[in-house]
Amino acid sequence: MTTTEKIANAKKRIDELERLIKYWNDYDHDEAKIVNFTSKIKNKVA
């Protein structure tokens, strides 16, 4: 494997990791919104 191929593979891995990090961050925010929403409903019902 040449140096150019190694660099290209590393770039692909970095891009994939960045996409995963963005997905996880977005998922954490969405999950927090869902939890806050359900707790507000419980407060109104009780």
PDB file of N, CA and C in Angstrom:
ATOM      1  N   MET A   1       0.849  -1.175   0.000  1.00  0.00           N
ATOM      2  CA  MET A   1       0.000   0.000   0.000  1.00  0.00           C
ATOM      3  C   MET A   1       0.897   1.242   0.000  1.00  0.00           C
ATOM      4  N   THR A   2       0.606   2.128  -0.895  1.00  0.00           N
ATOM      5  CA  THR A   2       1.434   3.329  -0.996  1.00  0.00           C
ATOM      6  C   THR A   2       1.012   4.348   0.062  1.00  0.00           C
ATOM      7  N   THR A   3       1.840   5.329   0.231  1.00  0.00           N
ATOM      8  CA  THR A   3       1.546   6.400   1.186  1.00  0.00           C
ATOM      9  C   THR A   3       0.268   7.133   0.790  1.00  0.00           C
ATOM     10  N   THR A   4       0.076   7.347  -0.496  1.00  0.00           N
ATOM     11  CA  THR A   4      -1.123   8.035  -0.971  1.00  0.00           C
ATOM     12  C   THR A   4      -2.379   7.239  -0.621  1.00  0.00           C
ATOM     13  N   GLU A   5      -2.317   5.922  -0.769  1.00  0.00           N
ATOM     14  CA  GLU A   5      -3.458   5.073  -0.418  1.00  0.00           C
ATOM     15  C   GLU A   5      -3.720   5.092   1.089  1.00  0.00           C
ATOM     16  N   LYS A   6      -2.666   5.082   1.873  1.00  0.00           N
ATOM     17  CA  LYS A   6      -2.817   5.146   3.325  1.00  0.00           C
ATOM     18  C   LYS A   6      -3.488   6.454   3.743  1.00  0.00           C
ATOM     19  N   ILE A   7      -3.061   7.546   3.125  1.00  0.00           N
ATOM     20  CA  ILE A   7      -3.646   8.851   3.438  1.00  0.00           C
ATOM     21  C   ILE A   7      -5.121   8.879   3.033  1.00  0.00           C
ATOM     22  N   ALA A   8      -5.444   8.325   1.867  1.00  0.00           N
ATOM     23  CA  ALA A   8      -6.832   8.293   1.400  1.00  0.00           C
ATOM     24  C   ALA A   8      -7.702   7.471   2.349  1.00  0.00           C
ATOM     25  N   ASN A   9      -7.197   6.333   2.801  1.00  0.00           N
ATOM     26  CA  ASN A   9      -7.952   5.491   3.741  1.00  0.00           C
ATOM     27  C   ASN A   9      -8.138   6.190   5.086  1.00  0.00           C
ATOM     28  N   ALA A  10      -7.101   6.863   5.542  1.00  0.00           N
ATOM     29  CA  ALA A  10      -7.200   7.592   6.808  1.00  0.00           C
ATOM     30  C   ALA A  10      -8.233   8.710   6.694  1.00  0.00           C
ATOM     31  N   LYS A  11      -8.253   9.404   5.579  1.00  0.00           N
ATOM     32  CA  LYS A  11      -9.227  10.473   5.348  1.00  0.00           C
ATOM     33  C   LYS A  11     -10.649   9.916   5.374  1.00  0.00           C
ATOM     34  N   LYS A  12     -10.857   8.754   4.760  1.00  0.00           N
ATOM     35  CA  LYS A  12     -12.184   8.123   4.781  1.00  0.00           C
ATOM     36  C   LYS A  12     -12.609   7.789   6.204  1.00  0.00           C
ATOM     37  N   ARG A  13     -11.684   7.253   6.990  1.00  0.00           N
ATOM     38  CA  ARG A  13     -12.000   6.907   8.381  1.00  0.00           C
ATOM     39  C   ARG A  13     -12.317   8.154   9.196  1.00  0.00           C
ATOM     40  N   ILE A  14     -11.558   9.206   8.989  1.00  0.00           N
ATOM     41  CA  ILE A  14     -11.801  10.462   9.710  1.00  0.00           C
ATOM     42  C   ILE A  14     -13.172  11.014   9.349  1.00  0.00           C
ATOM     43  N   ASP A  15     -13.516  10.999   8.055  1.00  0.00           N
ATOM     44  CA  ASP A  15     -14.823  11.490   7.622  1.00  0.00           C
ATOM     45  C   ASP A  15     -15.947  10.677   8.247  1.00  0.00           C
ATOM     46  N   GLU A  16     -15.775   9.354   8.301  1.00  0.00           N
ATOM     47  CA  GLU A  16     -16.792   8.495   8.896  1.00  0.00           C
ATOM     48  C   GLU A  16     -16.943   8.783  10.381  1.00  0.00           C
ATOM     49  N   LEU A  17     -15.831   8.950  11.083  1.00  0.00           N
ATOM     50  CA  LEU A  17     -15.896   9.264  12.508  1.00  0.00           C
ATOM     51  C   LEU A  17     -16.570  10.605  12.754  1.00  0.00           C
ATOM     52  N   GLU A  18     -16.284  11.597  11.916  1.00  0.00           N
ATOM     53  CA  GLU A  18     -16.922  12.903  12.067  1.00  0.00           C
ATOM     54  C   GLU A  18     -18.434  12.794  11.867  1.00  0.00           C
ATOM     55  N   ARG A  19     -18.873  11.979  10.892  1.00  0.00           N
ATOM     56  CA  ARG A  19     -20.307  11.776  10.679  1.00  0.00           C
ATOM     57  C   ARG A  19     -20.940  11.086  11.879  1.00  0.00           C
ATOM     58  N   LEU A  20     -20.248  10.093  12.442  1.00  0.00           N
ATOM     59  CA  LEU A  20     -20.774   9.402  13.627  1.00  0.00           C
ATOM     60  C   LEU A  20     -20.887  10.343  14.821  1.00  0.00           C
ATOM     61  N   ILE A  21     -19.884  11.162  15.035  1.00  0.00           N
ATOM     62  CA  ILE A  21     -19.912  12.120  16.144  1.00  0.00           C
ATOM     63  C   ILE A  21     -21.075  13.086  15.975  1.00  0.00           C
ATOM     64  N   LYS A  22     -21.274  13.577  14.766  1.00  0.00           N
ATOM     65  CA  LYS A  22     -22.394  14.488  14.501  1.00  0.00           C
ATOM     66  C   LYS A  22     -23.717  13.784  14.754  1.00  0.00           C
ATOM     67  N   TYR A  23     -23.837  12.543  14.306  1.00  0.00           N
ATOM     68  CA  TYR A  23     -25.069  11.773  14.524  1.00  0.00           C
ATOM     69  C   TYR A  23     -25.326  11.599  16.015  1.00  0.00           C
ATOM     70  N   TRP A  24     -24.290  11.204  16.762  1.00  0.00           N
ATOM     71  CA  TRP A  24     -24.458  10.994  18.200  1.00  0.00           C
ATOM     72  C   TRP A  24     -24.854  12.283  18.905  1.00  0.00           C
ATOM     73  N   ASN A  25     -24.235  13.396  18.523  1.00  0.00           N
ATOM     74  CA  ASN A  25     -24.581  14.681  19.141  1.00  0.00           C
ATOM     75  C   ASN A  25     -26.025  15.055  18.832  1.00  0.00           C
ATOM     76  N   ASP A  26     -26.445  14.867  17.592  1.00  0.00           N
ATOM     77  CA  ASP A  26     -27.831  15.169  17.222  1.00  0.00           C
ATOM     78  C   ASP A  26     -28.788  14.247  17.958  1.00  0.00           C
ATOM     79  N   TYR A  27     -28.443  12.973  18.096  1.00  0.00           N
ATOM     80  CA  TYR A  27     -29.293  12.006  18.781  1.00  0.00           C
ATOM     81  C   TYR A  27     -29.450  12.379  20.254  1.00  0.00           C
ATOM     82  N   ASP A  28     -28.365  12.806  20.891  1.00  0.00           N
ATOM     83  CA  ASP A  28     -28.432  13.199  22.299  1.00  0.00           C
ATOM     84  C   ASP A  28     -29.381  14.376  22.484  1.00  0.00           C
ATOM     85  N   HIS A  29     -29.337  15.338  21.585  1.00  0.00           N
ATOM     86  CA  HIS A  29     -30.217  16.498  21.686  1.00  0.00           C
ATOM     87  C   HIS A  29     -31.672  16.087  21.460  1.00  0.00           C
ATOM     88  N   ASP A  30     -31.926  15.233  20.480  1.00  0.00           N
ATOM     89  CA  ASP A  30     -33.290  14.781  20.212  1.00  0.00           C
ATOM     90  C   ASP A  30     -33.837  13.990  21.392  1.00  0.00           C
ATOM     91  N   GLU A  31     -33.019  13.133  21.981  1.00  0.00           N
ATOM     92  CA  GLU A  31     -33.450  12.334  23.121  1.00  0.00           C
ATOM     93  C   GLU A  31     -33.790  13.239  24.305  1.00  0.00           C
ATOM     94  N   ALA A  32     -33.013  14.287  24.519  1.00  0.00           N
ATOM     95  CA  ALA A  32     -33.274  15.213  25.616  1.00  0.00           C
ATOM     96  C   ALA A  32     -34.611  15.922  25.400  1.00  0.00           C
ATOM     97  N   LYS A  33     -34.914  16.286  24.153  1.00  0.00           N
ATOM     98  CA  LYS A  33     -36.186  16.942  23.859  1.00  0.00           C
ATOM     99  C   LYS A  33     -37.345  16.001  24.154  1.00  0.00           C
ATOM    100  N   ILE A  34     -37.203  14.743  23.791  1.00  0.00           N
ATOM    101  CA  ILE A  34     -38.267  13.769  24.029  1.00  0.00           C
ATOM    102  C   ILE A  34     -38.487  13.589  25.528  1.00  0.00           C
ATOM    103  N   VAL A  35     -37.417  13.475  26.286  1.00  0.00           N
ATOM    104  CA  VAL A  35     -37.541  13.283  27.737  1.00  0.00           C
ATOM    105  C   VAL A  35     -38.197  14.497  28.372  1.00  0.00           C
ATOM    106  N   ASN A  36     -37.807  15.698  27.987  1.00  0.00           N
ATOM    107  CA  ASN A  36     -38.405  16.909  28.548  1.00  0.00           C
ATOM    108  C   ASN A  36     -39.884  16.991  28.200  1.00  0.00           C
ATOM    109  N   PHE A  37     -40.223  16.605  26.992  1.00  0.00           N
ATOM    110  CA  PHE A  37     -41.618  16.662  26.562  1.00  0.00           C
ATOM    111  C   PHE A  37     -42.479  15.705  27.383  1.00  0.00           C
ATOM    112  N   THR A  38     -42.007  14.487  27.575  1.00  0.00           N
ATOM    113  CA  THR A  38     -42.799  13.518  28.334  1.00  0.00           C
ATOM    114  C   THR A  38     -42.916  13.931  29.790  1.00  0.00           C
ATOM    115  N   SER A  39     -41.899  14.536  30.359  1.00  0.00           N
ATOM    116  CA  SER A  39     -41.998  14.944  31.763  1.00  0.00           C
ATOM    117  C   SER A  39     -42.997  16.072  31.921  1.00  0.00           C
ATOM    118  N   LYS A  40     -43.122  16.943  30.927  1.00  0.00           N
ATOM    119  CA  LYS A  40     -44.122  18.019  30.988  1.00  0.00           C
ATOM    120  C   LYS A  40     -45.524  17.418  30.935  1.00  0.00           C
ATOM    121  N   ILE A  41     -45.731  16.399  30.140  1.00  0.00           N
ATOM    122  CA  ILE A  41     -47.036  15.756  30.053  1.00  0.00           C
ATOM    123  C   ILE A  41     -47.397  15.128  31.397  1.00  0.00           C
ATOM    124  N   LYS A  42     -46.456  14.435  32.019  1.00  0.00           N
ATOM    125  CA  LYS A  42     -46.711  13.790  33.304  1.00  0.00           C
ATOM    126  C   LYS A  42     -47.100  14.826  34.355  1.00  0.00           C
ATOM    127  N   ASN A  43     -46.466  16.005  34.342  1.00  0.00           N
ATOM    128  CA  ASN A  43     -46.782  17.041  35.305  1.00  0.00           C
ATOM    129  C   ASN A  43     -48.219  17.547  35.117  1.00  0.00           C
ATOM    130  N   LYS A  44     -48.668  17.645  33.887  1.00  0.00           N
ATOM    131  CA  LYS A  44     -50.022  18.133  33.628  1.00  0.00           C
ATOM    132  C   LYS A  44     -51.062  17.080  33.991  1.00  0.00           C
ATOM    133  N   VAL A  45     -50.763  15.825  33.764  1.00  0.00           N
ATOM    134  CA  VAL A  45     -51.706  14.758  34.066  1.00  0.00           C
ATOM    135  C   VAL A  45     -51.861  14.583  35.571  1.00  0.00           C
ATOM    136  N   ALA A  46     -50.766  14.659  36.276  1.00  0.00           N
ATOM    137  CA  ALA A  46     -50.802  14.464  37.720  1.00  0.00           C
ATOM    138  C   ALA A  46     -51.395  15.692  38.364  1.00  0.00           C
TER     139      ALA A  46
END
